[in-house]
Amino acid sequence: MIENQKNSYDSFLNSKYLSTKHTNYFPIYDQLFSRFVGKPITFVEIGILGGGSLHMWRDFFGPQARVIGIDNNLDASKWKNDFEIFIGDQGNPLFWVDFFSEVGPIDVLLDDGGHTNAQQIQTVISSINNIKSGGLIVVEDTHCSFLESFGNPSRRSFVNFATSNAGKLAFRNTSICKPEVFVKNVESITFFDSIVSISINEELPETSTKISNGGISNKEEDFRNGKMKAWSKTGNSLINHMKKISFLKKIATTLFFFKLRIKNYCMEYKFRKYF
């Protein structure tokens, strides 16, 4: 945090209305949101409750920011004199269609709403193409993906959704060359304790291409998989020779991938406690 720069914890304390947050969130807020302070951004928070957090964000971002609140409780309408308030269900895609048709693209969306898998996932799906380049979707309380009271753990939890799509960012690589449409403008998906941040960048290339600096090569042996045993070298040599014969090419490819799967299985067993 830059000295004398406004921080989110002070703004939290400055709000005269009730707000509850987890202590580890404030350094994350400062890391993610400080670059928006004092700028004419559009900031949207889902989950108004006592109104304290809306006033917190007004204090933090400054008077130039357009701060919008979303809640499914009609009582939240009482804050309409101070902020733009929308009443609706974040888990309903039609709500988001109406919301973005009225509000337009936004800079930051902070989801502190209902925390169910369906609500968090639908919010990201409906918002991801309505975030300005350089903007963020930040989902709070992702520890709910592990709580029984939210129907978890589940294969369809929000954390598993985010993890799956984080992996798909690599699909831009020309070795795979199957860019995912859903994450085509996503630069990064960052995981914190109970927070997931999705960064949007509309200027990303469609594919990631391997290049060389043209430097001098000493033709070093590739040791990425460790120094191979003599029998392993012989096996690889046999497979490579088989690939040169067209009708054996498919068999050679099958053997190669079978070998990799056996190796991966042994690795997975060794590191199983970390997954």
C-alpha atoms as a PDB file:
ATOM      1  CA  MET A   1       0.000   0.000   0.000  1.00  0.00           C
ATOM      2  CA  ILE A   2       1.428   3.424  -0.991  1.00  0.00           C
ATOM      3  CA  GLU A   3       1.954   5.732   1.980  1.00  0.00           C
ATOM      4  CA  ASN A   4      -0.932   8.173   2.502  1.00  0.00           C
ATOM      5  CA  GLN A   5      -3.026   6.391  -0.121  1.00  0.00           C
ATOM      6  CA  LYS A   6      -6.595   5.683   0.933  1.00  0.00           C
ATOM      7  CA  ASN A   7      -7.166   2.122   2.093  1.00  0.00           C
ATOM      8  CA  SER A   8     -10.342   0.079   2.214  1.00  0.00           C
ATOM      9  CA  TYR A   9     -10.155  -0.697   5.932  1.00  0.00           C
ATOM     10  CA  ASP A  10     -10.303   3.012   6.844  1.00  0.00           C
ATOM     11  CA  SER A  11     -13.284   3.436   4.527  1.00  0.00           C
ATOM     12  CA  PHE A  12     -14.910   0.422   6.187  1.00  0.00           C
ATOM     13  CA  LEU A  13     -14.533   2.082   9.589  1.00  0.00           C
ATOM     14  CA  ASN A  14     -15.689   5.460   8.237  1.00  0.00           C
ATOM     15  CA  SER A  15     -19.065   4.086   7.131  1.00  0.00           C
ATOM     16  CA  LYS A  16     -21.694   4.979   9.720  1.00  0.00           C
ATOM     17  CA  TYR A  17     -23.965   2.135   8.573  1.00  0.00           C
ATOM     18  CA  LEU A  18     -23.493  -1.538   9.377  1.00  0.00           C
ATOM     19  CA  SER A  19     -21.197  -3.617   7.200  1.00  0.00           C
ATOM     20  CA  THR A  20     -19.505  -6.963   7.900  1.00  0.00           C
ATOM     21  CA  LYS A  21     -16.339  -8.164   6.183  1.00  0.00           C
ATOM     22  CA  HIS A  22     -13.617 -10.739   6.758  1.00  0.00           C
ATOM     23  CA  THR A  23     -10.319  -9.309   8.006  1.00  0.00           C
ATOM     24  CA  ASN A  24      -8.260 -10.780   5.152  1.00  0.00           C
ATOM     25  CA  TYR A  25     -10.417  -9.028   2.523  1.00  0.00           C
ATOM     26  CA  PHE A  26      -9.036  -5.522   3.020  1.00  0.00           C
ATOM     27  CA  PRO A  27      -5.490  -6.129   1.737  1.00  0.00           C
ATOM     28  CA  ILE A  28      -7.055  -7.912  -1.245  1.00  0.00           C
ATOM     29  CA  TYR A  29      -9.388  -4.968  -1.899  1.00  0.00           C
ATOM     30  CA  ASP A  30      -6.442  -2.587  -1.773  1.00  0.00           C
ATOM     31  CA  GLN A  31      -4.439  -4.738  -4.180  1.00  0.00           C
ATOM     32  CA  LEU A  32      -7.286  -5.080  -6.677  1.00  0.00           C
ATOM     33  CA  PHE A  33      -9.096  -1.744  -6.424  1.00  0.00           C
ATOM     34  CA  SER A  34      -6.502   0.949  -5.599  1.00  0.00           C
ATOM     35  CA  ARG A  35      -5.913   1.768  -9.265  1.00  0.00           C
ATOM     36  CA  PHE A  36      -9.576   2.818  -9.588  1.00  0.00           C
ATOM     37  CA  VAL A  37      -9.516   5.324  -6.702  1.00  0.00           C
ATOM     38  CA  GLY A  38     -10.389   8.883  -7.753  1.00  0.00           C
ATOM     39  CA  LYS A  39     -11.488   7.821 -11.244  1.00  0.00           C
ATOM     40  CA  PRO A  40     -14.920   8.047 -12.931  1.00  0.00           C
ATOM     41  CA  ILE A  41     -15.610   4.317 -12.808  1.00  0.00           C
ATOM     42  CA  THR A  42     -18.840   2.340 -12.541  1.00  0.00           C
ATOM     43  CA  PHE A  43     -18.698   0.047  -9.510  1.00  0.00           C
ATOM     44  CA  VAL A  44     -21.459  -2.481  -8.804  1.00  0.00           C
ATOM     45  CA  GLU A  45     -21.897  -4.416  -5.573  1.00  0.00           C
ATOM     46  CA  ILE A  46     -24.340  -7.299  -5.154  1.00  0.00           C
ATOM     47  CA  GLY A  47     -25.627  -7.574  -1.586  1.00  0.00           C
ATOM     48  CA  ILE A  48     -26.591  -4.328   0.136  1.00  0.00           C
ATOM     49  CA  LEU A  49     -27.892  -5.521   3.508  1.00  0.00           C
ATOM     50  CA  GLY A  50     -27.443  -2.610   5.953  1.00  0.00           C
ATOM     51  CA  GLY A  51     -26.065  -0.226   3.333  1.00  0.00           C
ATOM     52  CA  GLY A  52     -22.722   0.128   5.082  1.00  0.00           C
ATOM     53  CA  SER A  53     -20.618  -1.292   2.276  1.00  0.00           C
ATOM     54  CA  LEU A  54     -22.085   1.045  -0.354  1.00  0.00           C
ATOM     55  CA  HIS A  55     -21.049   4.004   1.775  1.00  0.00           C
ATOM     56  CA  MET A  56     -17.679   2.347   2.309  1.00  0.00           C
ATOM     57  CA  TRP A  57     -17.080   2.142  -1.447  1.00  0.00           C
ATOM     58  CA  ARG A  58     -18.247   5.713  -1.979  1.00  0.00           C
ATOM     59  CA  ASP A  59     -15.654   6.837   0.565  1.00  0.00           C
ATOM     60  CA  PHE A  60     -12.962   4.602  -0.906  1.00  0.00           C
ATOM     61  CA  PHE A  61     -13.365   5.362  -4.615  1.00  0.00           C
ATOM     62  CA  GLY A  62     -14.326   9.017  -4.246  1.00  0.00           C
ATOM     63  CA  PRO A  63     -17.104  11.245  -5.599  1.00  0.00           C
ATOM     64  CA  GLN A  64     -16.358  10.567  -9.272  1.00  0.00           C
ATOM     65  CA  ALA A  65     -17.306   6.912  -8.978  1.00  0.00           C
ATOM     66  CA  ARG A  66     -20.759   5.698  -9.943  1.00  0.00           C
ATOM     67  CA  VAL A  67     -21.655   3.250  -7.160  1.00  0.00           C
ATOM     68  CA  ILE A  68     -24.565   0.879  -7.834  1.00  0.00           C
ATOM     69  CA  GLY A  69     -26.144  -1.630  -5.472  1.00  0.00           C
ATOM     70  CA  ILE A  70     -28.074  -4.822  -6.254  1.00  0.00           C
ATOM     71  CA  ASP A  71     -30.223  -6.788  -3.806  1.00  0.00           C
ATOM     72  CA  ASN A  72     -33.265  -9.077  -3.896  1.00  0.00           C
ATOM     73  CA  ASN A  73     -34.730  -7.457  -0.772  1.00  0.00           C
ATOM     74  CA  LEU A  74     -37.181  -4.644  -1.517  1.00  0.00           C
ATOM     75  CA  ASP A  75     -36.116  -2.899   1.702  1.00  0.00           C
ATOM     76  CA  ALA A  76     -32.838  -2.028  -0.034  1.00  0.00           C
ATOM     77  CA  SER A  77     -34.778   0.546  -2.061  1.00  0.00           C
ATOM     78  CA  LYS A  78     -34.440   2.932   0.885  1.00  0.00           C
ATOM     79  CA  TRP A  79     -30.879   3.695  -0.294  1.00  0.00           C
ATOM     80  CA  LYS A  80     -32.083   5.110  -3.619  1.00  0.00           C
ATOM     81  CA  ASN A  81     -31.577   8.678  -2.401  1.00  0.00           C
ATOM     82  CA  ASP A  82     -27.835   8.015  -2.119  1.00  0.00           C
ATOM     83  CA  PHE A  83     -27.132   5.363  -4.784  1.00  0.00           C
ATOM     84  CA  GLU A  84     -28.586   3.678  -7.839  1.00  0.00           C
ATOM     85  CA  ILE A  85     -30.357   0.593  -6.507  1.00  0.00           C
ATOM     86  CA  PHE A  86     -31.619  -2.394  -8.483  1.00  0.00           C
ATOM     87  CA  ILE A  87     -33.876  -5.023  -6.937  1.00  0.00           C
ATOM     88  CA  GLY A  88     -33.628  -8.481  -8.478  1.00  0.00           C
ATOM     89  CA  ASP A  89     -32.308 -12.034  -8.346  1.00  0.00           C
ATOM     90  CA  GLN A  90     -28.671 -12.373  -9.361  1.00  0.00           C
ATOM     91  CA  GLY A  91     -29.342 -16.010 -10.247  1.00  0.00           C
ATOM     92  CA  ASN A  92     -31.831 -14.998 -12.947  1.00  0.00           C
ATOM     93  CA  PRO A  93     -30.218 -14.341 -16.353  1.00  0.00           C
ATOM     94  CA  LEU A  94     -33.164 -12.144 -17.387  1.00  0.00           C
ATOM     95  CA  PHE A  95     -32.406  -9.793 -14.509  1.00  0.00           C
ATOM     96  CA  TRP A  96     -28.918  -9.263 -15.904  1.00  0.00           C
ATOM     97  CA  VAL A  97     -30.197  -8.636 -19.420  1.00  0.00           C
ATOM     98  CA  ASP A  98     -32.387  -5.817 -18.089  1.00  0.00           C
ATOM     99  CA  PHE A  99     -29.673  -4.524 -15.775  1.00  0.00           C
ATOM    100  CA  PHE A 100     -26.943  -4.152 -18.394  1.00  0.00           C
ATOM    101  CA  SER A 101     -29.350  -2.780 -21.003  1.00  0.00           C
ATOM    102  CA  GLU A 102     -30.038   0.086 -18.583  1.00  0.00           C
ATOM    103  CA  VAL A 103     -26.621   0.552 -16.945  1.00  0.00           C
ATOM    104  CA  GLY A 104     -24.309  -0.360 -19.821  1.00  0.00           C
ATOM    105  CA  PRO A 105     -20.769  -1.725 -19.446  1.00  0.00           C
ATOM    106  CA  ILE A 106     -19.203  -1.423 -15.986  1.00  0.00           C
ATOM    107  CA  ASP A 107     -15.678  -1.387 -14.586  1.00  0.00           C
ATOM    108  CA  VAL A 108     -15.934  -3.496 -11.451  1.00  0.00           C
ATOM    109  CA  LEU A 109     -18.492  -6.014 -10.221  1.00  0.00           C
ATOM    110  CA  LEU A 110     -18.213  -7.190  -6.609  1.00  0.00           C
ATOM    111  CA  ASP A 111     -20.392 -10.197  -5.775  1.00  0.00           C
ATOM    112  CA  ASP A 112     -21.236 -10.274  -2.058  1.00  0.00           C
ATOM    113  CA  GLY A 113     -24.722 -11.640  -2.656  1.00  0.00           C
ATOM    114  CA  GLY A 114     -26.325 -14.985  -1.907  1.00  0.00           C
ATOM    115  CA  HIS A 115     -23.131 -17.093  -2.262  1.00  0.00           C
ATOM    116  CA  THR A 116     -24.844 -20.156  -3.759  1.00  0.00           C
ATOM    117  CA  ASN A 117     -23.123 -21.936  -6.635  1.00  0.00           C
ATOM    118  CA  ALA A 118     -25.911 -21.049  -9.066  1.00  0.00           C
ATOM    119  CA  GLN A 119     -25.940 -17.369  -8.070  1.00  0.00           C
ATOM    120  CA  GLN A 120     -22.180 -16.904  -8.289  1.00  0.00           C
ATOM    121  CA  ILE A 121     -21.823 -18.817 -11.556  1.00  0.00           C
ATOM    122  CA  GLN A 122     -24.775 -17.078 -13.242  1.00  0.00           C
ATOM    123  CA  THR A 123     -23.442 -13.688 -12.160  1.00  0.00           C
ATOM    124  CA  VAL A 124     -20.094 -14.349 -13.842  1.00  0.00           C
ATOM    125  CA  ILE A 125     -21.675 -15.821 -16.980  1.00  0.00           C
ATOM    126  CA  SER A 126     -24.041 -12.859 -17.377  1.00  0.00           C
ATOM    127  CA  SER A 127     -21.465 -10.183 -16.553  1.00  0.00           C
ATOM    128  CA  ILE A 128     -18.274 -11.308 -18.218  1.00  0.00           C
ATOM    129  CA  ASN A 129     -19.084  -9.687 -21.568  1.00  0.00           C
ATOM    130  CA  ASN A 130     -20.294  -6.490 -19.897  1.00  0.00           C
ATOM    131  CA  ILE A 131     -17.057  -5.570 -18.092  1.00  0.00           C
ATOM    132  CA  LYS A 132     -14.901  -2.870 -19.662  1.00  0.00           C
ATOM    133  CA  SER A 133     -11.392  -3.780 -20.711  1.00  0.00           C
ATOM    134  CA  GLY A 134      -9.157  -3.422 -17.675  1.00  0.00           C
ATOM    135  CA  GLY A 135     -12.066  -4.165 -15.357  1.00  0.00           C
ATOM    136  CA  LEU A 136     -12.746  -6.890 -12.825  1.00  0.00           C
ATOM    137  CA  ILE A 137     -15.305  -9.371 -11.563  1.00  0.00           C
ATOM    138  CA  VAL A 138     -14.610 -10.129  -7.895  1.00  0.00           C
ATOM    139  CA  VAL A 139     -16.544 -12.886  -6.141  1.00  0.00           C
ATOM    140  CA  GLU A 140     -16.454 -12.912  -2.341  1.00  0.00           C
ATOM    141  CA  ASP A 141     -17.040 -15.662   0.210  1.00  0.00           C
ATOM    142  CA  THR A 142     -15.953 -18.458  -2.103  1.00  0.00           C
ATOM    143  CA  HIS A 143     -15.354 -20.606   0.985  1.00  0.00           C
ATOM    144  CA  CYS A 144     -19.077 -21.336   0.593  1.00  0.00           C
ATOM    145  CA  SER A 145     -18.004 -23.772  -2.137  1.00  0.00           C
ATOM    146  CA  PHE A 146     -16.927 -26.054   0.703  1.00  0.00           C
ATOM    147  CA  LEU A 147     -19.831 -25.601   3.135  1.00  0.00           C
ATOM    148  CA  GLU A 148     -22.635 -28.152   3.543  1.00  0.00           C
ATOM    149  CA  SER A 149     -25.097 -25.332   4.227  1.00  0.00           C
ATOM    150  CA  PHE A 150     -24.616 -24.270   0.569  1.00  0.00           C
ATOM    151  CA  GLY A 151     -24.934 -27.800  -0.815  1.00  0.00           C
ATOM    152  CA  ASN A 152     -21.211 -28.337  -1.072  1.00  0.00           C
ATOM    153  CA  PRO A 153     -18.699 -29.783  -1.667  1.00  0.00           C
ATOM    154  CA  SER A 154     -19.951 -30.361  -5.209  1.00  0.00           C
ATOM    155  CA  ARG A 155     -18.445 -30.949  -8.646  1.00  0.00           C
ATOM    156  CA  ARG A 156     -20.542 -27.952  -9.733  1.00  0.00           C
ATOM    157  CA  SER A 157     -19.329 -25.561  -7.034  1.00  0.00           C
ATOM    158  CA  PHE A 158     -18.269 -22.040  -7.939  1.00  0.00           C
ATOM    159  CA  VAL A 159     -14.633 -22.748  -7.052  1.00  0.00           C
ATOM    160  CA  ASN A 160     -14.592 -25.737  -9.405  1.00  0.00           C
ATOM    161  CA  PHE A 161     -16.192 -23.568 -12.094  1.00  0.00           C
ATOM    162  CA  ALA A 162     -13.495 -20.918 -11.643  1.00  0.00           C
ATOM    163  CA  THR A 163     -10.711 -23.503 -11.503  1.00  0.00           C
ATOM    164  CA  SER A 164     -11.896 -25.178 -14.701  1.00  0.00           C
ATOM    165  CA  ASN A 165     -11.993 -21.886 -16.583  1.00  0.00           C
ATOM    166  CA  ALA A 166      -8.602 -20.835 -15.208  1.00  0.00           C
ATOM    167  CA  GLY A 167      -7.173 -23.939 -16.837  1.00  0.00           C
ATOM    168  CA  LYS A 168      -8.865 -23.082 -20.121  1.00  0.00           C
ATOM    169  CA  LEU A 169      -6.839 -19.862 -20.406  1.00  0.00           C
ATOM    170  CA  ALA A 170      -4.010 -22.092 -21.675  1.00  0.00           C
ATOM    171  CA  PHE A 171      -6.144 -23.158 -24.650  1.00  0.00           C
ATOM    172  CA  ARG A 172      -4.871 -20.058 -26.505  1.00  0.00           C
ATOM    173  CA  ASN A 173      -1.492 -21.769 -26.789  1.00  0.00           C
ATOM    174  CA  THR A 174      -0.869 -22.815 -30.399  1.00  0.00           C
ATOM    175  CA  SER A 175       0.070 -26.306 -29.172  1.00  0.00           C
ATOM    176  CA  ILE A 176      -3.625 -26.685 -28.342  1.00  0.00           C
ATOM    177  CA  CYS A 177      -5.166 -23.922 -30.465  1.00  0.00           C
ATOM    178  CA  LYS A 178      -8.701 -24.303 -29.126  1.00  0.00           C
ATOM    179  CA  PRO A 179      -9.389 -20.891 -27.564  1.00  0.00           C
ATOM    180  CA  GLU A 180     -12.443 -20.918 -25.321  1.00  0.00           C
ATOM    181  CA  VAL A 181     -15.052 -18.328 -26.300  1.00  0.00           C
ATOM    182  CA  PHE A 182     -16.186 -17.860 -22.690  1.00  0.00           C
ATOM    183  CA  VAL A 183     -12.741 -16.758 -21.482  1.00  0.00           C
ATOM    184  CA  LYS A 184     -11.502 -15.117 -24.681  1.00  0.00           C
ATOM    185  CA  ASN A 185     -11.237 -11.695 -22.977  1.00  0.00           C
ATOM    186  CA  VAL A 186     -10.086 -13.034 -19.596  1.00  0.00           C
ATOM    187  CA  GLU A 187      -6.467 -12.169 -18.853  1.00  0.00           C
ATOM    188  CA  SER A 188      -6.277 -13.911 -15.494  1.00  0.00           C
ATOM    189  CA  ILE A 189      -8.309 -15.682 -12.823  1.00  0.00           C
ATOM    190  CA  THR A 190      -6.723 -15.091  -9.432  1.00  0.00           C
ATOM    191  CA  PHE A 191      -7.502 -17.087  -6.295  1.00  0.00           C
ATOM    192  CA  PHE A 192      -7.238 -15.577  -2.814  1.00  0.00           C
ATOM    193  CA  ASP A 193      -8.498 -16.823   0.537  1.00  0.00           C
ATOM    194  CA  SER A 194     -12.290 -16.789  -0.046  1.00  0.00           C
ATOM    195  CA  ILE A 195     -12.082 -14.424  -3.026  1.00  0.00           C
ATOM    196  CA  VAL A 196     -11.770 -15.060  -6.766  1.00  0.00           C
ATOM    197  CA  SER A 197     -10.877 -12.198  -9.112  1.00  0.00           C
ATOM    198  CA  ILE A 198     -11.407 -12.312 -12.885  1.00  0.00           C
ATOM    199  CA  SER A 199      -9.468  -9.719 -14.889  1.00  0.00           C
ATOM    200  CA  ILE A 200     -10.817  -8.583 -18.288  1.00  0.00           C
ATOM    201  CA  ASN A 201      -8.599  -7.485 -21.188  1.00  0.00           C
ATOM    202  CA  GLU A 202     -10.180  -7.075 -24.619  1.00  0.00           C
ATOM    203  CA  GLU A 203      -6.780  -6.664 -26.325  1.00  0.00           C
ATOM    204  CA  LEU A 204      -5.575 -10.210 -25.713  1.00  0.00           C
ATOM    205  CA  PRO A 205      -4.327 -12.096 -28.786  1.00  0.00           C
ATOM    206  CA  GLU A 206      -6.465 -15.026 -29.893  1.00  0.00           C
ATOM    207  CA  THR A 207      -3.510 -17.386 -29.686  1.00  0.00           C
ATOM    208  CA  SER A 208      -0.219 -17.569 -27.816  1.00  0.00           C
ATOM    209  CA  THR A 209       2.614 -18.402 -30.226  1.00  0.00           C
ATOM    210  CA  LYS A 210       6.029 -19.769 -29.316  1.00  0.00           C
ATOM    211  CA  ILE A 211       8.866 -17.568 -30.608  1.00  0.00           C
ATOM    212  CA  SER A 212      12.665 -17.606 -30.515  1.00  0.00           C
ATOM    213  CA  ASN A 213      15.135 -14.787 -29.932  1.00  0.00           C
ATOM    214  CA  GLY A 214      17.384 -16.218 -32.670  1.00  0.00           C
ATOM    215  CA  GLY A 215      20.275 -16.768 -30.286  1.00  0.00           C
ATOM    216  CA  ILE A 216      23.098 -19.284 -30.735  1.00  0.00           C
ATOM    217  CA  SER A 217      22.097 -22.889 -29.998  1.00  0.00           C
ATOM    218  CA  ASN A 218      24.540 -25.317 -28.396  1.00  0.00           C
ATOM    219  CA  LYS A 219      22.139 -28.208 -29.100  1.00  0.00           C
ATOM    220  CA  GLU A 220      21.815 -29.152 -25.447  1.00  0.00           C
ATOM    221  CA  GLU A 221      20.006 -32.375 -24.577  1.00  0.00           C
ATOM    222  CA  ASP A 222      16.467 -31.838 -23.260  1.00  0.00           C
ATOM    223  CA  PHE A 223      16.331 -33.023 -19.635  1.00  0.00           C
ATOM    224  CA  ARG A 224      12.810 -31.822 -18.791  1.00  0.00           C
ATOM    225  CA  ASN A 225      11.735 -35.343 -17.866  1.00  0.00           C
ATOM    226  CA  GLY A 226      14.998 -36.256 -16.166  1.00  0.00           C
ATOM    227  CA  LYS A 227      17.861 -38.313 -17.568  1.00  0.00           C
ATOM    228  CA  MET A 228      16.334 -41.359 -19.260  1.00  0.00           C
ATOM    229  CA  LYS A 229      17.427 -44.910 -18.558  1.00  0.00           C
ATOM    230  CA  ALA A 230      18.939 -46.914 -21.392  1.00  0.00           C
ATOM    231  CA  TRP A 231      15.786 -49.015 -21.763  1.00  0.00           C
ATOM    232  CA  SER A 232      13.693 -45.832 -21.943  1.00  0.00           C
ATOM    233  CA  LYS A 233      15.888 -44.454 -24.714  1.00  0.00           C
ATOM    234  CA  THR A 234      15.511 -47.706 -26.610  1.00  0.00           C
ATOM    235  CA  GLY A 235      11.740 -47.600 -26.176  1.00  0.00           C
ATOM    236  CA  ASN A 236      11.504 -44.022 -27.417  1.00  0.00           C
ATOM    237  CA  SER A 237      13.744 -44.834 -30.367  1.00  0.00           C
ATOM    238  CA  LEU A 238      11.485 -47.757 -31.311  1.00  0.00           C
ATOM    239  CA  ILE A 239       8.387 -45.580 -31.128  1.00  0.00           C
ATOM    240  CA  ASN A 240      10.020 -42.890 -33.288  1.00  0.00           C
ATOM    241  CA  HIS A 241      10.969 -45.474 -35.925  1.00  0.00           C
ATOM    242  CA  MET A 242       7.444 -46.837 -35.918  1.00  0.00           C
ATOM    243  CA  LYS A 243       6.092 -43.352 -36.612  1.00  0.00           C
ATOM    244  CA  LYS A 244       8.020 -43.309 -39.888  1.00  0.00           C
ATOM    245  CA  ILE A 245       5.953 -46.230 -41.179  1.00  0.00           C
ATOM    246  CA  SER A 246       2.463 -45.014 -41.982  1.00  0.00           C
ATOM    247  CA  PHE A 247       0.472 -48.107 -40.920  1.00  0.00           C
ATOM    248  CA  LEU A 248       2.371 -48.269 -37.613  1.00  0.00           C
ATOM    249  CA  LYS A 249       1.996 -44.577 -36.876  1.00  0.00           C
ATOM    250  CA  LYS A 250      -1.305 -45.008 -35.044  1.00  0.00           C
ATOM    251  CA  ILE A 251       0.098 -47.838 -32.930  1.00  0.00           C
ATOM    252  CA  ALA A 252       3.184 -45.777 -32.085  1.00  0.00           C
ATOM    253  CA  THR A 253       1.056 -42.798 -31.079  1.00  0.00           C
ATOM    254  CA  THR A 254      -1.127 -45.018 -28.885  1.00  0.00           C
ATOM    255  CA  LEU A 255       1.963 -46.476 -27.176  1.00  0.00           C
ATOM    256  CA  PHE A 256       3.384 -43.005 -26.606  1.00  0.00           C
ATOM    257  CA  PHE A 257       0.237 -41.702 -24.929  1.00  0.00           C
ATOM    258  CA  PHE A 258      -0.188 -44.929 -22.949  1.00  0.00           C
ATOM    259  CA  LYS A 259       3.308 -44.411 -21.570  1.00  0.00           C
ATOM    260  CA  LEU A 260       2.439 -40.837 -20.572  1.00  0.00           C
ATOM    261  CA  ARG A 261      -0.770 -41.945 -18.864  1.00  0.00           C
ATOM    262  CA  ILE A 262       1.104 -44.545 -16.804  1.00  0.00           C
ATOM    263  CA  LYS A 263       3.617 -41.882 -15.802  1.00  0.00           C
ATOM    264  CA  ASN A 264       0.847 -39.439 -14.889  1.00  0.00           C
ATOM    265  CA  TYR A 265      -0.979 -42.088 -12.879  1.00  0.00           C
ATOM    266  CA  CYS A 266       2.163 -42.702 -10.812  1.00  0.00           C
ATOM    267  CA  MET A 267       2.548 -38.954 -10.327  1.00  0.00           C
ATOM    268  CA  GLU A 268      -1.087 -38.538  -9.277  1.00  0.00           C
ATOM    269  CA  TYR A 269      -0.738 -41.315  -6.709  1.00  0.00           C
ATOM    270  CA  LYS A 270       2.422 -39.746  -5.312  1.00  0.00           C
ATOM    271  CA  PHE A 271       0.838 -36.303  -4.936  1.00  0.00           C
ATOM    272  CA  ARG A 272      -2.760 -37.393  -4.222  1.00  0.00           C
ATOM    273  CA  LYS A 273      -2.896 -35.715  -0.802  1.00  0.00           C
ATOM    274  CA  TYR A 274      -2.453 -32.305  -2.462  1.00  0.00           C
ATOM    275  CA  PHE A 275      -5.569 -32.621  -4.646  1.00  0.00           C
END
